[in-house]
């Protein structure tokens, strides 16, 4: 039984941790992406005014 649990613990933990971090950071990355697009629009508007 221990022979089965060791590989599961060694592989399963990093997989679960990676999924947790991806789900948690997804909202922040999406918000950052929206901010970059808004900044690009603002720069375009300011460039057209001159």
PDB file of N, CA and C in Angstrom:
ATOM      1  N   UNK A   1       0.821  -1.198   0.000  1.00  0.00           N
ATOM      2  CA  UNK A   1       0.000   0.000   0.000  1.00  0.00           C
ATOM      3  C   UNK A   1       0.862   1.258   0.000  1.00  0.00           C
ATOM      4  N   UNK A   2       1.955   1.235   0.757  1.00  0.00           N
ATOM      5  CA  UNK A   2       2.847   2.381   0.824  1.00  0.00           C
ATOM      6  C   UNK A   2       3.506   2.640  -0.530  1.00  0.00           C
ATOM      7  N   UNK A   3       3.750   1.558  -1.286  1.00  0.00           N
ATOM      8  CA  UNK A   3       4.355   1.697  -2.610  1.00  0.00           C
ATOM      9  C   UNK A   3       3.444   2.453  -3.557  1.00  0.00           C
ATOM     10  N   UNK A   4       2.146   2.369  -3.330  1.00  0.00           N
ATOM     11  CA  UNK A   4       1.167   3.059  -4.170  1.00  0.00           C
ATOM     12  C   UNK A   4       0.999   4.524  -3.740  1.00  0.00           C
ATOM     13  N   UNK A   5       1.056   4.785  -2.446  1.00  0.00           N
ATOM     14  CA  UNK A   5       0.812   6.139  -1.935  1.00  0.00           C
ATOM     15  C   UNK A   5       1.959   7.100  -2.200  1.00  0.00           C
ATOM     16  N   UNK A   6       3.167   6.625  -2.221  1.00  0.00           N
ATOM     17  CA  UNK A   6       4.321   7.501  -2.424  1.00  0.00           C
ATOM     18  C   UNK A   6       4.292   8.186  -3.793  1.00  0.00           C
ATOM     19  N   UNK A   7       4.111   7.453  -4.890  1.00  0.00           N
ATOM     20  CA  UNK A   7       4.035   8.151  -6.186  1.00  0.00           C
ATOM     21  C   UNK A   7       2.821   9.079  -6.294  1.00  0.00           C
ATOM     22  N   UNK A   8       1.705   8.668  -5.713  1.00  0.00           N
ATOM     23  CA  UNK A   8       0.517   9.520  -5.746  1.00  0.00           C
ATOM     24  C   UNK A   8       0.787  10.815  -4.994  1.00  0.00           C
ATOM     25  N   UNK A   9       1.444  10.736  -3.855  1.00  0.00           N
ATOM     26  CA  UNK A   9       1.772  11.928  -3.075  1.00  0.00           C
ATOM     27  C   UNK A   9       2.791  12.793  -3.807  1.00  0.00           C
ATOM     28  N   UNK A  10       3.759  12.174  -4.460  1.00  0.00           N
ATOM     29  CA  UNK A  10       4.800  12.933  -5.159  1.00  0.00           C
ATOM     30  C   UNK A  10       4.277  13.611  -6.410  1.00  0.00           C
ATOM     31  N   UNK A  11       3.307  13.019  -7.075  1.00  0.00           N
ATOM     32  CA  UNK A  11       2.773  13.589  -8.315  1.00  0.00           C
ATOM     33  C   UNK A  11       1.486  14.364  -8.061  1.00  0.00           C
ATOM     34  N   UNK A  12       0.644  13.854  -7.187  1.00  0.00           N
ATOM     35  CA  UNK A  12      -0.660  14.462  -6.946  1.00  0.00           C
ATOM     36  C   UNK A  12      -0.584  15.827  -6.308  1.00  0.00           C
ATOM     37  N   UNK A  13       0.298  15.991  -5.335  1.00  0.00           N
ATOM     38  CA  UNK A  13       0.395  17.281  -4.654  1.00  0.00           C
ATOM     39  C   UNK A  13       0.777  18.412  -5.600  1.00  0.00           C
ATOM     40  N   UNK A  14       1.816  18.268  -6.427  1.00  0.00           N
ATOM     41  CA  UNK A  14       2.140  19.357  -7.354  1.00  0.00           C
ATOM     42  C   UNK A  14       1.010  19.647  -8.359  1.00  0.00           C
ATOM     43  N   UNK A  15       0.294  18.617  -8.785  1.00  0.00           N
ATOM     44  CA  UNK A  15      -0.813  18.823  -9.712  1.00  0.00           C
ATOM     45  C   UNK A  15      -1.918  19.623  -9.041  1.00  0.00           C
ATOM     46  N   UNK A  16      -2.287  19.235  -7.827  1.00  0.00           N
ATOM     47  CA  UNK A  16      -3.338  19.957  -7.100  1.00  0.00           C
ATOM     48  C   UNK A  16      -2.906  21.390  -6.817  1.00  0.00           C
ATOM     49  N   UNK A  17      -1.676  21.591  -6.420  1.00  0.00           N
ATOM     50  CA  UNK A  17      -1.169  22.932  -6.141  1.00  0.00           C
ATOM     51  C   UNK A  17      -1.173  23.792  -7.403  1.00  0.00           C
ATOM     52  N   UNK A  18      -0.771  23.235  -8.527  1.00  0.00           N
ATOM     53  CA  UNK A  18      -0.763  23.979  -9.790  1.00  0.00           C
ATOM     54  C   UNK A  18      -2.167  24.376 -10.214  1.00  0.00           C
ATOM     55  N   UNK A  19      -3.106  23.469 -10.098  1.00  0.00           N
ATOM     56  CA  UNK A  19      -4.491  23.775 -10.459  1.00  0.00           C
ATOM     57  C   UNK A  19      -5.042  24.868  -9.549  1.00  0.00           C
ATOM     58  N   UNK A  20      -4.772  24.776  -8.257  1.00  0.00           N
ATOM     59  CA  UNK A  20      -5.240  25.794  -7.312  1.00  0.00           C
ATOM     60  C   UNK A  20      -4.684  27.167  -7.668  1.00  0.00           C
ATOM     61  N   UNK A  21      -3.392  27.233  -7.945  1.00  0.00           N
ATOM     62  CA  UNK A  21      -2.781  28.523  -8.277  1.00  0.00           C
ATOM     63  C   UNK A  21      -3.298  29.079  -9.592  1.00  0.00           C
ATOM     64  N   UNK A  22      -3.503  28.218 -10.586  1.00  0.00           N
ATOM     65  CA  UNK A  22      -4.038  28.687 -11.865  1.00  0.00           C
ATOM     66  C   UNK A  22      -5.441  29.245 -11.711  1.00  0.00           C
ATOM     67  N   UNK A  23      -6.271  28.575 -10.941  1.00  0.00           N
ATOM     68  CA  UNK A  23      -7.639  29.047 -10.735  1.00  0.00           C
ATOM     69  C   UNK A  23      -7.632  30.357  -9.957  1.00  0.00           C
ATOM     70  N   UNK A  24      -6.774  30.447  -8.971  1.00  0.00           N
ATOM     71  CA  UNK A  24      -6.724  31.651  -8.145  1.00  0.00           C
ATOM     72  C   UNK A  24      -6.183  32.851  -8.920  1.00  0.00           C
ATOM     73  N   UNK A  25      -5.185  32.636  -9.750  1.00  0.00           N
ATOM     74  CA  UNK A  25      -4.560  33.736 -10.480  1.00  0.00           C
ATOM     75  C   UNK A  25      -5.296  34.101 -11.759  1.00  0.00           C
ATOM     76  N   UNK A  26      -6.220  33.255 -12.209  1.00  0.00           N
ATOM     77  CA  UNK A  26      -6.914  33.509 -13.467  1.00  0.00           C
ATOM     78  C   UNK A  26      -7.643  34.851 -13.444  1.00  0.00           C
ATOM     79  N   UNK A  27      -8.324  35.151 -12.361  1.00  0.00           N
ATOM     80  CA  UNK A  27      -9.052  36.414 -12.257  1.00  0.00           C
ATOM     81  C   UNK A  27      -8.126  37.617 -12.286  1.00  0.00           C
ATOM     82  N   UNK A  28      -7.003  37.497 -11.633  1.00  0.00           N
ATOM     83  CA  UNK A  28      -6.037  38.604 -11.608  1.00  0.00           C
ATOM     84  C   UNK A  28      -5.421  38.821 -12.980  1.00  0.00           C
ATOM     85  N   UNK A  29      -5.129  37.738 -13.678  1.00  0.00           N
ATOM     86  CA  UNK A  29      -4.557  37.853 -15.025  1.00  0.00           C
ATOM     87  C   UNK A  29      -5.575  38.465 -15.981  1.00  0.00           C
ATOM     88  N   UNK A  30      -6.830  38.070 -15.850  1.00  0.00           N
ATOM     89  CA  UNK A  30      -7.875  38.624 -16.701  1.00  0.00           C
ATOM     90  C   UNK A  30      -8.050  40.119 -16.433  1.00  0.00           C
ATOM     91  N   UNK A  31      -8.014  40.512 -15.181  1.00  0.00           N
ATOM     92  CA  UNK A  31      -8.127  41.927 -14.816  1.00  0.00           C
ATOM     93  C   UNK A  31      -6.950  42.724 -15.371  1.00  0.00           C
ATOM     94  N   UNK A  32      -5.764  42.172 -15.288  1.00  0.00           N
ATOM     95  CA  UNK A  32      -4.577  42.833 -15.828  1.00  0.00           C
ATOM     96  C   UNK A  32      -4.673  42.977 -17.336  1.00  0.00           C
ATOM     97  N   UNK A  33      -5.172  41.965 -18.003  1.00  0.00           N
ATOM     98  CA  UNK A  33      -5.348  42.010 -19.448  1.00  0.00           C
ATOM     99  C   UNK A  33      -6.350  43.094 -19.838  1.00  0.00           C
ATOM    100  N   UNK A  34      -7.451  43.198 -19.107  1.00  0.00           N
ATOM    101  CA  UNK A  34      -8.432  44.250 -19.373  1.00  0.00           C
ATOM    102  C   UNK A  34      -7.822  45.636 -19.182  1.00  0.00           C
ATOM    103  N   UNK A  35      -6.993  45.788 -18.159  1.00  0.00           N
ATOM    104  CA  UNK A  35      -6.340  47.070 -17.903  1.00  0.00           C
ATOM    105  C   UNK A  35      -5.392  47.447 -19.037  1.00  0.00           C
ATOM    106  N   UNK A  36      -4.680  46.480 -19.559  1.00  0.00           N
ATOM    107  CA  UNK A  36      -3.755  46.746 -20.671  1.00  0.00           C
ATOM    108  C   UNK A  36      -4.530  47.171 -21.913  1.00  0.00           C
ATOM    109  N   UNK A  37      -5.661  46.522 -22.187  1.00  0.00           N
ATOM    110  CA  UNK A  37      -6.475  46.900 -23.346  1.00  0.00           C
ATOM    111  C   UNK A  37      -7.045  48.309 -23.172  1.00  0.00           C
ATOM    112  N   UNK A  38      -7.467  48.646 -21.966  1.00  0.00           N
ATOM    113  CA  UNK A  38      -7.998  49.980 -21.692  1.00  0.00           C
ATOM    114  C   UNK A  38      -6.904  51.030 -21.848  1.00  0.00           C
ATOM    115  N   UNK A  39      -5.707  50.711 -21.411  1.00  0.00           N
ATOM    116  CA  UNK A  39      -4.582  51.627 -21.570  1.00  0.00           C
ATOM    117  C   UNK A  39      -4.261  51.841 -23.043  1.00  0.00           C
ATOM    118  N   UNK A  40      -4.312  50.786 -23.829  1.00  0.00           N
ATOM    119  CA  UNK A  40      -4.047  50.912 -25.270  1.00  0.00           C
ATOM    120  C   UNK A  40      -5.086  51.809 -25.936  1.00  0.00           C
ATOM    121  N   UNK A  41      -6.346  51.669 -25.535  1.00  0.00           N
ATOM    122  CA  UNK A  41      -7.394  52.531 -26.086  1.00  0.00           C
ATOM    123  C   UNK A  41      -7.149  53.982 -25.706  1.00  0.00           C
ATOM    124  N   UNK A  42      -6.759  54.232 -24.457  1.00  0.00           N
ATOM    125  CA  UNK A  42      -6.502  55.598 -23.995  1.00  0.00           C
ATOM    126  C   UNK A  42      -5.339  56.218 -24.760  1.00  0.00           C
ATOM    127  N   UNK A  43      -4.301  55.431 -24.979  1.00  0.00           N
ATOM    128  CA  UNK A  43      -3.133  55.947 -25.715  1.00  0.00           C
ATOM    129  C   UNK A  43      -3.527  56.269 -27.152  1.00  0.00           C
ATOM    130  N   UNK A  44      -4.351  55.445 -27.748  1.00  0.00           N
ATOM    131  CA  UNK A  44      -4.813  55.689 -29.118  1.00  0.00           C
ATOM    132  C   UNK A  44      -5.612  56.980 -29.188  1.00  0.00           C
ATOM    133  N   UNK A  45      -6.510  57.183 -28.249  1.00  0.00           N
ATOM    134  CA  UNK A  45      -7.331  58.415 -28.214  1.00  0.00           C
ATOM    135  C   UNK A  45      -6.446  59.635 -28.032  1.00  0.00           C
ATOM    136  N   UNK A  46      -5.477  59.567 -27.143  1.00  0.00           N
ATOM    137  CA  UNK A  46      -4.580  60.704 -26.918  1.00  0.00           C
ATOM    138  C   UNK A  46      -3.712  60.972 -28.152  1.00  0.00           C
ATOM    139  N   UNK A  47      -3.308  59.920 -28.847  1.00  0.00           N
ATOM    140  CA  UNK A  47      -2.503  60.078 -30.054  1.00  0.00           C
ATOM    141  C   UNK A  47      -3.285  60.717 -31.192  1.00  0.00           C
ATOM    142  N   UNK A  48      -4.584  60.455 -31.254  1.00  0.00           N
ATOM    143  CA  UNK A  48      -5.417  61.023 -32.318  1.00  0.00           C
ATOM    144  C   UNK A  48      -5.748  62.480 -32.065  1.00  0.00           C
ATOM    145  N   UNK A  49      -5.658  62.957 -30.830  1.00  0.00           N
ATOM    146  CA  UNK A  49      -5.986  64.336 -30.496  1.00  0.00           C
ATOM    147  C   UNK A  49      -4.924  65.301 -30.967  1.00  0.00           C
ATOM    148  N   UNK A  50      -3.725  64.825 -31.159  1.00  0.00           N
ATOM    149  CA  UNK A  50      -2.621  65.734 -31.532  1.00  0.00           C
ATOM    150  C   UNK A  50      -2.507  65.914 -33.013  1.00  0.00           C
TER     151      UNK A  50
END
